[in-house]
């Protein structure tokens, strides 16, 4: 391997900001923050919004988020209007299906 072209691969603490869960692993992520870990050593700190401790797939908790009020906009536009029914198709005379005549 060439020297000086690879990123620094070092231990880093990742902190899930939504649940407060943190874990120590190795990474090349660049960060300016540091934190003292449980073993007494100081490591770089990387903040993440979601991890296995807060992800719905791993926790089994589904969070329903209405983005931009789509449901309210739909209800405002269409309200509780009944669905218009189509007129029934009339049967063709002579028991044959309606369609272009073949010839």
C-alpha atoms as a PDB file:
ATOM      1  CA  UNK A   1       0.000   0.000   0.000  1.00  0.00           C
ATOM      2  CA  UNK A   2       1.151   3.504  -0.742  1.00  0.00           C
ATOM      3  CA  UNK A   3       1.855   5.644   2.292  1.00  0.00           C
ATOM      4  CA  UNK A   4      -0.091   8.877   2.792  1.00  0.00           C
ATOM      5  CA  UNK A   5      -3.042   8.215   0.457  1.00  0.00           C
ATOM      6  CA  UNK A   6      -5.348   6.335   2.821  1.00  0.00           C
ATOM      7  CA  UNK A   7      -7.674   7.989   5.373  1.00  0.00           C
ATOM      8  CA  UNK A   8      -7.005   7.617   9.080  1.00  0.00           C
ATOM      9  CA  UNK A   9      -8.838   4.472  10.278  1.00  0.00           C
ATOM     10  CA  UNK A  10      -9.318   4.863  14.015  1.00  0.00           C
ATOM     11  CA  UNK A  11     -11.760   4.106  16.877  1.00  0.00           C
ATOM     12  CA  UNK A  12     -14.752   6.500  16.861  1.00  0.00           C
ATOM     13  CA  UNK A  13     -17.791   6.813  19.144  1.00  0.00           C
ATOM     14  CA  UNK A  14     -21.110   7.168  17.300  1.00  0.00           C
ATOM     15  CA  UNK A  15     -23.944   8.840  19.248  1.00  0.00           C
ATOM     16  CA  UNK A  16     -27.573   8.413  18.183  1.00  0.00           C
ATOM     17  CA  UNK A  17     -29.056  11.844  18.947  1.00  0.00           C
ATOM     18  CA  UNK A  18     -32.671  10.606  18.909  1.00  0.00           C
ATOM     19  CA  UNK A  19     -32.231   7.834  21.499  1.00  0.00           C
ATOM     20  CA  UNK A  20     -29.003   8.690  23.332  1.00  0.00           C
ATOM     21  CA  UNK A  21     -27.499   5.299  22.394  1.00  0.00           C
ATOM     22  CA  UNK A  22     -23.766   5.322  21.653  1.00  0.00           C
ATOM     23  CA  UNK A  23     -21.320   2.696  20.450  1.00  0.00           C
ATOM     24  CA  UNK A  24     -17.604   2.459  19.777  1.00  0.00           C
ATOM     25  CA  UNK A  25     -16.370   1.200  16.423  1.00  0.00           C
ATOM     26  CA  UNK A  26     -13.652   1.968  13.892  1.00  0.00           C
ATOM     27  CA  UNK A  27     -14.187   4.505  11.134  1.00  0.00           C
ATOM     28  CA  UNK A  28     -12.528   7.018   8.816  1.00  0.00           C
ATOM     29  CA  UNK A  29     -15.127   9.752   9.498  1.00  0.00           C
ATOM     30  CA  UNK A  30     -13.709  13.209  10.176  1.00  0.00           C
ATOM     31  CA  UNK A  31     -15.029  15.007  13.255  1.00  0.00           C
ATOM     32  CA  UNK A  32     -13.942  17.815  15.569  1.00  0.00           C
ATOM     33  CA  UNK A  33     -15.816  16.648  18.684  1.00  0.00           C
ATOM     34  CA  UNK A  34     -14.415  14.212  21.238  1.00  0.00           C
ATOM     35  CA  UNK A  35     -15.959  12.275  24.111  1.00  0.00           C
ATOM     36  CA  UNK A  36     -14.667  10.224  27.026  1.00  0.00           C
ATOM     37  CA  UNK A  37     -15.757   6.621  26.589  1.00  0.00           C
ATOM     38  CA  UNK A  38     -16.550   4.033  29.296  1.00  0.00           C
ATOM     39  CA  UNK A  39     -12.985   2.705  29.274  1.00  0.00           C
ATOM     40  CA  UNK A  40     -11.643   6.139  30.283  1.00  0.00           C
ATOM     41  CA  UNK A  41     -10.090   6.954  26.905  1.00  0.00           C
ATOM     42  CA  UNK A  42     -11.060   9.941  24.766  1.00  0.00           C
ATOM     43  CA  UNK A  43     -12.313   9.209  21.235  1.00  0.00           C
ATOM     44  CA  UNK A  44     -13.647  11.304  18.341  1.00  0.00           C
ATOM     45  CA  UNK A  45     -17.451  11.689  18.467  1.00  0.00           C
ATOM     46  CA  UNK A  46     -19.720  11.387  15.431  1.00  0.00           C
ATOM     47  CA  UNK A  47     -23.401  12.284  15.883  1.00  0.00           C
ATOM     48  CA  UNK A  48     -25.983  10.353  13.845  1.00  0.00           C
ATOM     49  CA  UNK A  49     -29.740  10.846  13.622  1.00  0.00           C
ATOM     50  CA  UNK A  50     -30.660   7.181  13.412  1.00  0.00           C
ATOM     51  CA  UNK A  51     -29.069   3.898  14.479  1.00  0.00           C
ATOM     52  CA  UNK A  52     -30.205   0.375  15.285  1.00  0.00           C
ATOM     53  CA  UNK A  53     -31.506   1.688  18.625  1.00  0.00           C
ATOM     54  CA  UNK A  54     -33.965   4.093  16.974  1.00  0.00           C
ATOM     55  CA  UNK A  55     -34.625   2.651  13.492  1.00  0.00           C
ATOM     56  CA  UNK A  56     -38.221   1.357  13.081  1.00  0.00           C
ATOM     57  CA  UNK A  57     -37.044  -1.865  11.410  1.00  0.00           C
ATOM     58  CA  UNK A  58     -34.938  -2.888  14.406  1.00  0.00           C
ATOM     59  CA  UNK A  59     -37.182  -1.513  17.152  1.00  0.00           C
ATOM     60  CA  UNK A  60     -40.521  -2.643  15.700  1.00  0.00           C
ATOM     61  CA  UNK A  61     -41.988   0.809  16.343  1.00  0.00           C
ATOM     62  CA  UNK A  62     -43.408   2.484  13.259  1.00  0.00           C
ATOM     63  CA  UNK A  63     -43.662   6.265  13.376  1.00  0.00           C
ATOM     64  CA  UNK A  64     -46.287   7.761  11.081  1.00  0.00           C
ATOM     65  CA  UNK A  65     -45.236  11.150   9.798  1.00  0.00           C
ATOM     66  CA  UNK A  66     -47.609  13.215   7.673  1.00  0.00           C
ATOM     67  CA  UNK A  67     -45.291  15.154   5.418  1.00  0.00           C
ATOM     68  CA  UNK A  68     -46.659  18.482   4.327  1.00  0.00           C
ATOM     69  CA  UNK A  69     -50.246  17.836   5.405  1.00  0.00           C
ATOM     70  CA  UNK A  70     -51.048  15.661   2.394  1.00  0.00           C
ATOM     71  CA  UNK A  71     -54.060  14.086   4.055  1.00  0.00           C
ATOM     72  CA  UNK A  72     -55.536  17.443   5.046  1.00  0.00           C
ATOM     73  CA  UNK A  73     -54.957  18.804   1.558  1.00  0.00           C
ATOM     74  CA  UNK A  74     -56.712  15.780   0.049  1.00  0.00           C
ATOM     75  CA  UNK A  75     -59.685  16.125   2.396  1.00  0.00           C
ATOM     76  CA  UNK A  76     -59.920  19.850   1.717  1.00  0.00           C
ATOM     77  CA  UNK A  77     -59.889  19.266  -2.027  1.00  0.00           C
ATOM     78  CA  UNK A  78     -62.246  16.292  -2.225  1.00  0.00           C
ATOM     79  CA  UNK A  79     -63.961  16.303   1.172  1.00  0.00           C
ATOM     80  CA  UNK A  80     -66.536  13.602   1.749  1.00  0.00           C
ATOM     81  CA  UNK A  81     -67.944  13.682  -1.771  1.00  0.00           C
ATOM     82  CA  UNK A  82     -69.584  10.425  -2.802  1.00  0.00           C
ATOM     83  CA  UNK A  83     -67.926   8.553  -5.613  1.00  0.00           C
ATOM     84  CA  UNK A  84     -69.807   9.112  -8.878  1.00  0.00           C
ATOM     85  CA  UNK A  85     -71.028   5.838 -10.301  1.00  0.00           C
ATOM     86  CA  UNK A  86     -70.759   5.105 -13.997  1.00  0.00           C
ATOM     87  CA  UNK A  87     -73.843   4.183 -15.985  1.00  0.00           C
ATOM     88  CA  UNK A  88     -74.077   0.451 -16.566  1.00  0.00           C
ATOM     89  CA  UNK A  89     -73.162  -0.824 -20.029  1.00  0.00           C
ATOM     90  CA  UNK A  90     -76.124  -1.916 -22.072  1.00  0.00           C
ATOM     91  CA  UNK A  91     -76.115  -5.435 -23.426  1.00  0.00           C
ATOM     92  CA  UNK A  92     -75.928  -5.800 -27.215  1.00  0.00           C
ATOM     93  CA  UNK A  93     -78.975  -7.013 -29.113  1.00  0.00           C
ATOM     94  CA  UNK A  94     -79.021 -10.624 -30.202  1.00  0.00           C
ATOM     95  CA  UNK A  95     -76.847 -11.826 -27.317  1.00  0.00           C
ATOM     96  CA  UNK A  96     -73.589 -10.923 -29.044  1.00  0.00           C
ATOM     97  CA  UNK A  97     -70.977  -8.758 -27.435  1.00  0.00           C
ATOM     98  CA  UNK A  98     -70.866  -5.176 -28.598  1.00  0.00           C
ATOM     99  CA  UNK A  99     -67.875  -4.413 -30.738  1.00  0.00           C
ATOM    100  CA  UNK A 100     -66.688  -3.740 -34.249  1.00  0.00           C
ATOM    101  CA  UNK A 101     -68.245  -5.923 -36.924  1.00  0.00           C
ATOM    102  CA  UNK A 102     -65.895  -8.375 -38.504  1.00  0.00           C
ATOM    103  CA  UNK A 103     -66.206  -8.864 -42.181  1.00  0.00           C
END
